[in-house]
């Protein structure tokens, strides 16, 4: 619409000019070289316009002739780039499909056509990686490090190659340099924090966690959890030498993660060491409500040094009331009753745990009760130990295939922070007669020391006695590393 109005306005202006010239006739005289040319003003204007158009065409033709070599060179360069990017695309597809021969061929062609193009260098490195040429991959990544635009990507590739060669010192140096150049790079921050944790530099790791949160690399909940784990680790290291500082860190860890069992356990121990039993009990009780755990039970029962076995039993019953008789509270009461030599009480409190999916721990505790009451040579104790050898496993701290009774802030297999989880470990090796366990004796007489007997109609094979020192095979940690290919999306 506006263009049409502008065209009409220009057309009207041209018509007005033509009328104006027609109303004011004049003569234009040109004298040159002894010749004199006279014409009207309108004819002179038309001649000037025609001459300008002719000169324009002549200049355009001459300019085209002069620029012809440059245009031919530019056209050749564009065709070369098109071929290079086509080879680059095909090479990326070959890398993704795992074809090392095609990947190397296309990578060489792309590098020949595109030169030091970052994507061509990346394709060369990836082709070398999937071909197993570690030296070639390192050369390509070092060339990328020399270019400011691809320096961080080159450091990433060198970091991966150093990890594959178990060169942790070089890998950490590459990660530190990448984090300095690009603070928001996730892999570099994680690698730096992993190295700090491996060196037990908990304060440095706390600074790294705070920096990651400030850059938006982790959400608030993850940051709080990681800080709690690091503070707990630091408190455990300082527990013996600097208990006051350790207590301050343990208390902060409990505030950040109330369900973190090791934090509540170390805080409870340090409060008890200071003599503040009330606050120590309060910390452990709060954690017990959220997550009943045997580590918390041990701390709670040992809050006051020198307590009698009956005092410990009363404290275990307090835990049972707090958790509405959670199975862990029954274990705590049974252990305390065994120490107080109240064997009947110990058997009674374990009875519900022996009727519904009993575990190794329940059977072993029953064996300890029999040994304490009737001696180590008791046949009933050996019977319970035999059942324990075939029972499902109890929860334990598990991380990356490793099973242990003690919590650690990082996994010794992968170095990952907060890797240990309290769960039932997978029974990879199986049991003597499959995964099914033998039912526990349900009769009251069995719990009071009578010989366990199978129910009528259920044929149960006799269980061979197992020596008292027998243990179940440990879980073998699996730490196989999966090859990693560095790419733009990593």
Protein backbone atom coordinates (compact mmCIF):
# COMPACT_ATOMS: atom_id res chain seq x y z
CA UNK A 1 0.00 0.00 0.00
CA UNK A 2 2.69 2.49 0.99
CA UNK A 3 4.83 1.50 -1.99
CA UNK A 4 1.94 2.19 -4.37
CA UNK A 5 1.37 5.60 -2.81
CA UNK A 6 5.08 6.43 -3.06
CA UNK A 7 5.14 5.38 -6.74
CA UNK A 8 2.14 7.57 -7.52
CA UNK A 9 3.75 10.48 -5.69
CA UNK A 10 6.98 10.15 -7.70
CA UNK A 11 4.99 9.82 -10.91
CA UNK A 12 3.06 12.99 -10.10
CA UNK A 13 6.31 14.81 -9.30
CA UNK A 14 7.83 13.75 -12.66
CA UNK A 15 4.72 14.89 -14.52
CA UNK A 16 4.83 18.23 -12.73
CA UNK A 17 8.50 18.67 -13.72
CA UNK A 18 7.77 17.87 -17.34
CA UNK A 19 4.93 20.41 -17.43
CA UNK A 20 7.14 22.98 -15.74
CA UNK A 21 9.88 22.54 -18.36
CA UNK A 22 7.33 22.70 -21.20
CA UNK A 23 6.01 26.01 -19.88
CA UNK A 24 9.55 27.44 -19.72
CA UNK A 25 11.30 26.63 -23.01
CA UNK A 26 15.01 27.41 -23.29
CA UNK A 27 18.08 26.73 -25.44
CA UNK A 28 21.22 24.88 -24.42
CA UNK A 29 24.36 25.71 -26.46
CA UNK A 30 27.49 23.49 -26.35
CA UNK A 31 30.73 24.81 -27.94
CA UNK A 32 33.64 22.38 -28.28
CA UNK A 33 36.52 22.17 -30.72
CA UNK A 34 35.23 24.96 -32.99
CA UNK A 35 31.83 23.40 -33.16
CA UNK A 36 28.69 24.81 -31.66
CA UNK A 37 25.67 22.70 -30.84
CA UNK A 38 22.37 24.30 -29.80
CA UNK A 39 19.33 22.33 -28.64
CA UNK A 40 16.33 22.72 -26.38
CA UNK A 41 16.55 22.20 -22.65
CA UNK A 42 14.35 19.11 -22.74
CA UNK A 43 16.44 17.46 -25.45
CA UNK A 44 19.61 18.28 -23.53
CA UNK A 45 18.26 16.64 -20.37
CA UNK A 46 17.27 13.52 -22.28
CA UNK A 47 20.71 13.36 -23.85
CA UNK A 48 22.42 13.65 -20.49
CA UNK A 49 20.28 10.82 -19.09
CA UNK A 50 21.04 8.56 -22.07
CA UNK A 51 24.76 9.30 -21.76
CA UNK A 52 24.66 8.43 -18.03
CA UNK A 53 22.99 5.08 -18.77
CA UNK A 54 25.56 4.23 -21.44
CA UNK A 55 28.45 5.12 -19.17
CA UNK A 56 26.90 2.97 -16.43
CA UNK A 57 26.77 -0.05 -18.74
CA UNK A 58 30.35 0.52 -19.87
CA UNK A 59 31.58 0.75 -16.24
CA UNK A 60 29.71 -2.39 -15.22
CA UNK A 61 31.22 -4.34 -18.13
CA UNK A 62 34.73 -3.14 -17.34
CA UNK A 63 34.33 -3.93 -13.64
CA UNK A 64 33.11 -7.43 -14.47
CA UNK A 65 36.19 -8.06 -16.60
CA UNK A 66 38.50 -6.77 -13.86
CA UNK A 67 36.83 -8.87 -11.10
CA UNK A 68 36.61 -12.07 -13.14
CA UNK A 69 39.72 -13.77 -11.58
CA UNK A 70 38.50 -13.03 -8.05
CA UNK A 71 35.06 -14.35 -8.85
CA UNK A 72 36.51 -17.54 -10.30
CA UNK A 73 38.68 -18.01 -7.20
CA UNK A 74 35.71 -17.42 -4.88
CA UNK A 75 33.58 -19.89 -6.81
CA UNK A 76 36.31 -22.53 -6.58
CA UNK A 77 36.67 -21.89 -2.84
CA UNK A 78 32.95 -22.28 -2.30
CA UNK A 79 32.89 -25.57 -4.20
CA UNK A 80 35.85 -26.75 -2.12
CA UNK A 81 34.07 -25.80 1.11
CA UNK A 82 30.90 -27.53 -0.04
CA UNK A 83 32.86 -30.72 -0.70
CA UNK A 84 34.63 -30.37 2.65
CA UNK A 85 31.43 -29.93 4.62
CA UNK A 86 29.88 -32.84 2.74
CA UNK A 87 32.88 -35.01 3.77
CA UNK A 88 32.54 -33.67 7.31
CA UNK A 89 28.87 -34.65 7.43
CA UNK A 90 29.59 -38.12 6.09
CA UNK A 91 32.43 -38.53 8.58
CA UNK A 92 30.20 -37.63 11.51
CA UNK A 93 27.69 -40.21 10.34
CA UNK A 94 30.49 -42.80 10.08
CA UNK A 95 31.66 -42.00 13.61
CA UNK A 96 28.12 -42.29 14.92
CA UNK A 97 27.64 -45.64 13.19
CA UNK A 98 31.02 -46.96 14.39
CA UNK A 99 32.71 -47.30 10.98
CA UNK A 100 36.38 -46.43 11.63
CA UNK A 101 37.57 -46.93 8.02
CA UNK A 102 34.96 -44.57 6.54
CA UNK A 103 35.46 -42.14 9.41
CA UNK A 104 39.22 -41.89 8.79
CA UNK A 105 38.72 -41.49 5.04
CA UNK A 106 36.17 -38.71 5.40
CA UNK A 107 38.18 -37.07 8.17
CA UNK A 108 41.28 -36.90 5.94
CA UNK A 109 39.25 -35.48 3.07
CA UNK A 110 37.55 -32.91 5.29
CA UNK A 111 40.87 -31.78 6.80
CA UNK A 112 42.43 -31.53 3.32
CA UNK A 113 39.56 -29.45 1.97
CA UNK A 114 38.76 -27.34 5.06
CA UNK A 115 42.21 -27.02 6.63
CA UNK A 116 42.18 -26.03 10.32
CA UNK A 117 38.39 -25.97 10.55
CA UNK A 118 37.42 -26.86 14.19
CA UNK A 119 34.86 -29.44 13.11
CA UNK A 120 37.40 -31.09 10.83
CA UNK A 121 39.85 -31.41 13.72
CA UNK A 122 37.09 -32.81 15.89
CA UNK A 123 36.21 -35.39 13.24
CA UNK A 124 39.88 -36.37 12.96
CA UNK A 125 40.09 -36.86 16.74
CA UNK A 126 36.88 -38.88 16.87
CA UNK A 127 37.95 -41.06 13.94
CA UNK A 128 41.23 -41.76 15.73
CA UNK A 129 39.36 -42.58 18.94
CA UNK A 130 37.04 -45.16 17.44
CA UNK A 131 40.02 -46.64 15.54
CA UNK A 132 42.01 -47.05 18.75
CA UNK A 133 44.68 -44.57 17.63
CA UNK A 134 45.21 -42.80 20.98
CA UNK A 135 48.32 -40.97 19.77
CA UNK A 136 46.48 -39.61 16.74
CA UNK A 137 43.57 -38.49 18.90
CA UNK A 138 45.92 -36.67 21.28
CA UNK A 139 47.64 -34.91 18.38
CA UNK A 140 44.29 -33.68 17.08
CA UNK A 141 43.20 -32.49 20.53
CA UNK A 142 46.50 -30.67 21.07
CA UNK A 143 46.00 -28.85 17.78
CA UNK A 144 42.55 -27.86 19.04
CA UNK A 145 44.09 -26.56 22.28
CA UNK A 146 46.30 -24.21 20.22
CA UNK A 147 43.18 -22.53 18.77
CA UNK A 148 41.38 -20.19 21.24
CA UNK A 149 37.99 -21.11 19.75
CA UNK A 150 38.44 -24.84 20.37
CA UNK A 151 40.73 -24.78 23.40
CA UNK A 152 38.15 -26.02 25.91
CA UNK A 153 37.01 -28.81 23.58
CA UNK A 154 40.62 -29.87 23.09
CA UNK A 155 41.15 -29.91 26.85
CA UNK A 156 38.07 -32.08 27.18
CA UNK A 157 39.50 -34.57 24.71
CA UNK A 158 42.89 -34.63 26.41
CA UNK A 159 41.12 -35.11 29.75
CA UNK A 160 39.25 -38.16 28.44
CA UNK A 161 42.41 -39.66 26.94
CA UNK A 162 44.33 -39.11 30.19
CA UNK A 163 41.55 -40.85 32.13
CA UNK A 164 41.72 -43.80 29.75
CA UNK A 165 45.44 -44.10 30.44
CA UNK A 166 44.87 -43.78 34.21
CA UNK A 167 46.94 -40.58 34.25
CA UNK A 168 44.97 -38.82 36.96
CA UNK A 169 47.52 -36.03 37.43
CA UNK A 170 47.31 -34.94 33.78
CA UNK A 171 43.54 -35.35 33.72
CA UNK A 172 43.17 -33.13 36.75
CA UNK A 173 45.46 -30.49 35.22
CA UNK A 174 43.37 -30.41 32.03
CA UNK A 175 40.17 -30.10 34.07
CA UNK A 176 41.56 -27.23 36.17
CA UNK A 177 42.66 -25.35 33.05
CA UNK A 178 39.26 -25.89 31.38
CA UNK A 179 37.45 -24.69 34.52
CA UNK A 180 39.64 -21.57 34.53
CA UNK A 181 38.93 -20.79 30.88
CA UNK A 182 35.21 -21.65 31.00
CA UNK A 183 33.87 -21.66 34.59
CA UNK A 184 30.44 -22.86 33.45
CA UNK A 185 31.70 -26.12 31.88
CA UNK A 186 30.04 -28.91 33.84
CA UNK A 187 32.54 -31.72 33.24
CA UNK A 188 35.49 -29.59 34.32
CA UNK A 189 33.80 -28.53 37.55
CA UNK A 190 32.85 -32.11 38.35
CA UNK A 191 36.38 -33.34 37.64
CA UNK A 192 37.91 -30.60 39.80
CA UNK A 193 35.58 -31.43 42.67
CA UNK A 194 36.30 -35.14 42.25
CA UNK A 195 40.03 -34.45 42.53
CA UNK A 196 39.52 -32.31 45.61
CA UNK A 197 37.51 -35.08 47.24
CA UNK A 198 40.18 -37.63 46.36
CA UNK A 199 42.72 -35.38 48.13
CA UNK A 200 40.28 -34.95 51.04
CA UNK A 201 40.32 -31.21 50.39
CA UNK A 202 36.82 -30.75 51.75
CA UNK A 203 37.03 -26.94 52.01
CA UNK A 204 38.07 -26.65 48.36
CA UNK A 205 35.26 -29.00 47.34
CA UNK A 206 32.80 -26.84 49.31
CA UNK A 207 33.98 -23.79 47.37
CA UNK A 208 33.52 -25.68 44.11
CA UNK A 209 29.98 -26.66 45.09
CA UNK A 210 29.14 -23.04 45.91
CA UNK A 211 30.59 -21.86 42.60
CA UNK A 212 28.59 -24.46 40.68
CA UNK A 213 25.40 -23.32 42.39
CA UNK A 214 26.19 -19.66 41.65
CA UNK A 215 26.68 -20.49 37.95
CA UNK A 216 23.40 -22.40 37.84
CA UNK A 217 25.06 -25.77 37.20
CA UNK A 218 23.18 -27.44 40.07
CA UNK A 219 19.86 -26.77 41.74
CA UNK A 220 19.48 -25.67 45.33
CA UNK A 221 18.48 -29.09 46.65
CA UNK A 222 21.51 -30.81 45.07
CA UNK A 223 23.80 -28.09 46.40
CA UNK A 224 22.47 -28.50 49.92
CA UNK A 225 22.90 -32.27 49.78
CA UNK A 226 26.46 -32.05 48.46
CA UNK A 227 27.42 -29.48 51.08
CA UNK A 228 25.99 -31.71 53.80
CA UNK A 229 28.01 -34.70 52.57
CA UNK A 230 31.23 -32.67 52.37
CA UNK A 231 30.68 -31.15 55.82
CA UNK A 232 30.06 -34.63 57.23
CA UNK A 233 33.27 -35.90 55.64
CA UNK A 234 35.22 -32.99 57.11
CA UNK A 235 33.63 -33.54 60.53
CA UNK A 236 34.65 -37.21 60.47
CA UNK A 237 38.25 -36.24 59.70
CA UNK A 238 38.29 -33.62 62.48
CA UNK A 239 36.40 -35.70 65.04
CA UNK A 240 39.51 -36.88 66.86
CA UNK A 241 41.73 -33.78 66.58
CA UNK A 242 39.36 -30.79 66.58
CA UNK A 243 36.02 -31.88 68.06
CA UNK A 244 34.60 -28.35 68.39
CA UNK A 245 35.07 -27.53 64.73
CA UNK A 246 33.86 -31.00 63.79
CA UNK A 247 30.71 -30.49 65.86
CA UNK A 248 29.99 -27.17 64.15
CA UNK A 249 30.32 -28.80 60.73
CA UNK A 250 28.22 -31.79 61.80
CA UNK A 251 25.43 -29.53 63.04
CA UNK A 252 25.44 -27.57 59.79
CA UNK A 253 25.31 -30.83 57.83
CA UNK A 254 22.29 -31.98 59.86
CA UNK A 255 20.50 -28.69 59.09
CA UNK A 256 21.20 -29.05 55.37
CA UNK A 257 20.22 -32.74 55.17
CA UNK A 258 18.24 -33.99 58.19
CA UNK A 259 17.98 -37.48 56.65
CA UNK A 260 21.75 -37.90 56.20
CA UNK A 261 22.52 -40.65 58.70
CA UNK A 262 26.31 -40.14 58.99
CA UNK A 263 25.83 -36.43 59.74
CA UNK A 264 23.41 -37.12 62.60
CA UNK A 265 25.63 -39.92 63.90
CA UNK A 266 28.79 -37.80 64.08
CA UNK A 267 26.88 -34.86 65.58
CA UNK A 268 25.36 -37.15 68.23
CA UNK A 269 28.76 -38.63 69.12
CA UNK A 270 30.34 -35.18 69.43
CA UNK A 271 27.51 -33.84 71.60
CA UNK A 272 27.93 -36.87 73.86
CA UNK A 273 31.68 -36.31 73.97
CA UNK A 274 31.07 -32.74 75.09
CA UNK A 275 28.64 -33.98 77.74
CA UNK A 276 25.56 -32.43 76.16
CA UNK A 277 23.50 -35.63 76.19
CA UNK A 278 20.16 -33.89 75.73
CA UNK A 279 21.10 -32.20 72.47
CA UNK A 280 22.88 -35.30 71.25
CA UNK A 281 19.81 -37.42 71.89
CA UNK A 282 17.62 -34.83 70.18
CA UNK A 283 19.73 -34.87 67.00
CA UNK A 284 19.76 -38.68 66.83
CA UNK A 285 16.04 -38.98 67.58
CA UNK A 286 15.16 -36.51 64.82
CA UNK A 287 17.22 -38.46 62.31
CA UNK A 288 15.79 -41.76 63.59
CA UNK A 289 12.23 -40.55 62.93
CA UNK A 290 13.15 -39.79 59.33
CA UNK A 291 15.36 -42.82 58.70
CA UNK A 292 15.82 -45.59 61.30
CA UNK A 293 19.34 -46.89 60.86
CA UNK A 294 21.65 -49.20 62.85
CA UNK A 295 24.40 -46.53 62.95
CA UNK A 296 21.99 -44.16 64.70
CA UNK A 297 20.96 -46.92 67.12
CA UNK A 298 24.57 -47.56 68.09
CA UNK A 299 25.19 -43.86 68.73
CA UNK A 300 21.98 -43.50 70.72
CA UNK A 301 22.66 -46.51 72.92
CA UNK A 302 26.26 -45.35 73.60
CA UNK A 303 25.45 -41.70 74.35
CA UNK A 304 26.39 -42.00 78.03
CA UNK A 305 29.63 -43.80 78.83
CA UNK A 306 29.32 -46.26 81.67
CA UNK A 307 25.59 -46.94 81.36
CA UNK A 308 24.47 -50.36 82.44
CA UNK A 309 23.06 -52.89 80.01
CA UNK A 310 19.56 -52.25 81.38
CA UNK A 311 19.93 -48.50 80.76
CA UNK A 312 20.91 -49.25 77.16
CA UNK A 313 17.89 -51.55 76.86
CA UNK A 314 15.59 -48.79 78.10
CA UNK A 315 17.08 -46.39 75.56
CA UNK A 316 16.54 -48.93 72.77
CA UNK A 317 12.89 -49.21 73.77
CA UNK A 318 12.66 -45.42 73.43
CA UNK A 319 13.81 -45.74 69.82
CA UNK A 320 11.13 -48.38 69.25
CA UNK A 321 8.41 -46.05 70.50
CA UNK A 322 9.71 -43.18 68.33
CA UNK A 323 9.70 -45.26 65.13
CA UNK A 324 6.53 -47.26 65.85
CA UNK A 325 8.52 -50.46 66.26
CA UNK A 326 10.47 -50.27 63.03
CA UNK A 327 12.50 -53.49 62.39
CA UNK A 328 15.71 -51.60 63.15
CA UNK A 329 14.38 -50.77 66.61
CA UNK A 330 13.69 -54.48 67.20
CA UNK A 331 17.27 -55.28 66.30
CA UNK A 332 18.47 -52.57 68.71
CA UNK A 333 16.32 -53.92 71.54
CA UNK A 334 17.40 -57.51 70.86
CA UNK A 335 21.07 -56.50 70.93
CA UNK A 336 20.62 -54.55 74.16
CA UNK A 337 18.65 -57.41 75.74
CA UNK A 338 21.39 -59.85 74.73
CA UNK A 339 23.99 -57.64 76.41
CA UNK A 340 21.76 -57.55 79.51
CA UNK A 341 21.43 -61.36 79.30
CA UNK A 342 17.65 -61.14 79.01
CA UNK A 343 17.47 -63.90 76.45
CA UNK A 344 13.71 -64.34 76.57
CA UNK A 345 13.18 -60.65 75.91
CA UNK A 346 15.60 -60.79 72.98
CA UNK A 347 13.80 -63.78 71.44
CA UNK A 348 10.37 -62.21 71.90
CA UNK A 349 11.33 -58.95 70.20
CA UNK A 350 12.91 -60.82 67.26
CA UNK A 351 9.90 -63.08 66.76
CA UNK A 352 8.06 -60.85 64.22
CA UNK A 353 11.25 -60.54 62.17
CA UNK A 354 11.60 -64.32 61.94
CA UNK A 355 8.13 -64.94 60.52
CA UNK A 356 8.19 -62.58 57.50
CA UNK A 357 11.17 -62.68 55.16
CA UNK A 358 13.89 -63.11 57.82
CA UNK A 359 17.35 -61.93 56.82
CA UNK A 360 20.91 -62.93 57.65
CA UNK A 361 21.08 -60.47 60.50
CA UNK A 362 18.02 -61.88 62.26
CA UNK A 363 19.30 -65.46 62.06
CA UNK A 364 22.81 -64.49 63.17
CA UNK A 365 21.43 -62.59 66.16
CA UNK A 366 19.40 -65.65 67.13
CA UNK A 367 22.60 -67.70 66.85
CA UNK A 368 24.38 -65.27 69.17
CA UNK A 369 21.55 -65.57 71.68
CA UNK A 370 21.83 -69.36 71.65
CA UNK A 371 25.63 -69.21 72.01
CA UNK A 372 25.41 -66.76 74.89
CA UNK A 373 22.83 -68.89 76.72
CA UNK A 374 23.90 -72.44 75.87
CA UNK A 375 27.51 -72.13 74.68
CA UNK A 376 29.27 -72.02 71.31
CA UNK A 377 28.85 -75.76 70.79
CA UNK A 378 25.08 -75.52 70.89
CA UNK A 379 23.35 -77.36 68.07
CA UNK A 380 20.63 -74.73 67.95
CA UNK A 381 23.23 -72.01 67.37
CA UNK A 382 24.63 -73.97 64.42
CA UNK A 383 21.11 -74.41 63.12
CA UNK A 384 20.54 -70.65 63.12
CA UNK A 385 23.91 -70.07 61.44
CA UNK A 386 23.01 -72.55 58.72
CA UNK A 387 19.77 -70.69 58.11
CA UNK A 388 21.69 -67.40 57.99
CA UNK A 389 23.89 -68.77 55.21
CA UNK A 390 20.81 -69.19 53.01
CA UNK A 391 18.80 -66.13 54.04
CA UNK A 392 18.39 -62.90 52.06
CA UNK A 393 20.97 -60.25 52.70
CA UNK A 394 20.44 -57.20 54.92
CA UNK A 395 20.74 -53.60 53.72
CA UNK A 396 24.25 -52.17 53.57
CA UNK A 397 26.09 -49.17 52.15
CA UNK A 398 26.36 -49.78 48.39
CA UNK A 399 28.14 -47.77 45.71
CA UNK A 400 29.25 -48.82 42.21
CA UNK A 401 29.05 -52.53 43.03
CA UNK A 402 30.91 -52.16 46.33
CA UNK A 403 29.19 -53.27 49.56
CA UNK A 404 30.44 -52.15 52.95
CA UNK A 405 29.27 -51.59 56.52
CA UNK A 406 30.87 -48.14 56.71
CA UNK A 407 29.69 -45.00 54.93
CA UNK A 408 32.14 -42.94 52.90
CA UNK A 409 31.62 -39.53 51.24
CA UNK A 410 32.96 -40.70 47.87
CA UNK A 411 32.99 -43.99 46.01
CA UNK A 412 36.43 -45.66 46.02
CA UNK A 413 35.56 -47.15 42.62
CA UNK A 414 34.45 -44.10 40.62
CA UNK A 415 35.30 -41.20 42.93
CA UNK A 416 31.69 -39.98 42.77
CA UNK A 417 30.48 -37.81 45.63
CA UNK A 418 27.55 -39.08 47.72
CA UNK A 419 27.57 -42.41 45.91
CA UNK A 420 26.82 -44.69 48.88
CA UNK A 421 23.18 -45.64 49.34
CA UNK A 422 21.70 -47.73 52.15
CA UNK A 423 19.99 -50.58 50.34
CA UNK A 424 19.84 -54.34 50.02
CA UNK A 425 22.80 -55.38 47.87
CA UNK A 426 22.12 -57.59 44.87
CA UNK A 427 22.91 -61.23 45.55
CA UNK A 428 25.06 -61.72 42.46
CA UNK A 429 26.55 -65.02 43.60
CA UNK A 430 23.28 -66.56 44.73
CA UNK A 431 22.74 -68.90 47.68
CA UNK A 432 23.41 -72.56 48.30
CA UNK A 433 19.98 -73.74 47.14
CA UNK A 434 18.79 -70.84 45.03
CA UNK A 435 17.36 -67.52 46.12
CA UNK A 436 14.56 -68.95 48.25
CA UNK A 437 15.32 -69.09 51.96
CA UNK A 438 14.15 -71.66 54.42
CA UNK A 439 11.16 -70.54 56.51
CA UNK A 440 11.91 -69.54 60.09
CA UNK A 441 10.43 -71.47 62.99
CA UNK A 442 7.17 -69.86 63.93
CA UNK A 443 6.27 -71.85 67.05
CA UNK A 444 6.86 -70.26 70.42
CA UNK A 445 8.87 -73.27 71.51
CA UNK A 446 11.38 -72.69 68.73
CA UNK A 447 12.00 -69.16 69.98
CA UNK A 448 12.48 -70.40 73.52
CA UNK A 449 15.22 -72.84 72.61
CA UNK A 450 13.32 -75.90 71.30
CA UNK A 451 14.58 -77.61 68.20
CA UNK A 452 13.01 -76.05 65.06
CA UNK A 453 10.85 -78.49 63.11
CA UNK A 454 9.19 -78.19 59.71
CA UNK A 455 5.42 -77.91 59.43
CA UNK A 456 3.50 -81.04 58.47
CA UNK A 457 3.19 -81.42 54.76
CA UNK A 458 6.21 -79.27 53.95
CA UNK A 459 9.22 -81.36 53.03
CA UNK A 460 12.27 -79.40 54.11
CA UNK A 461 15.70 -80.78 53.38
CA UNK A 462 18.01 -80.93 56.38
CA UNK A 463 20.51 -78.11 56.59
CA UNK A 464 24.16 -78.97 57.01
CA UNK A 465 25.77 -77.24 59.97
CA UNK A 466 28.09 -74.36 59.09
CA UNK A 467 31.06 -73.51 61.25
CA UNK A 468 30.68 -70.49 63.51
CA UNK A 469 33.29 -68.47 61.61
CA UNK A 470 31.77 -68.99 58.16
CA UNK A 471 30.92 -65.89 56.16
CA UNK A 472 29.06 -65.33 52.95
CA UNK A 473 31.12 -64.47 49.84
CA UNK A 474 31.66 -60.73 49.35
CA UNK A 475 30.25 -58.83 46.40
CA UNK A 476 32.96 -58.17 43.87
CA UNK A 477 32.97 -54.51 42.76
CA UNK A 478 32.58 -53.99 39.03
CA UNK A 479 34.53 -51.00 37.73
CA UNK A 480 34.66 -51.59 34.00
CA UNK A 481 35.05 -48.33 32.13
CA UNK A 482 32.98 -47.64 29.04
CA UNK A 483 34.89 -46.00 26.16
CA UNK A 484 33.96 -42.36 25.77
CA UNK A 485 34.01 -40.36 22.53
CA UNK A 486 34.39 -36.61 22.80
CA UNK A 487 31.92 -34.69 20.73
CA UNK A 488 30.27 -31.31 20.53
CA UNK A 489 27.34 -32.53 22.62
CA UNK A 490 29.48 -33.82 25.48
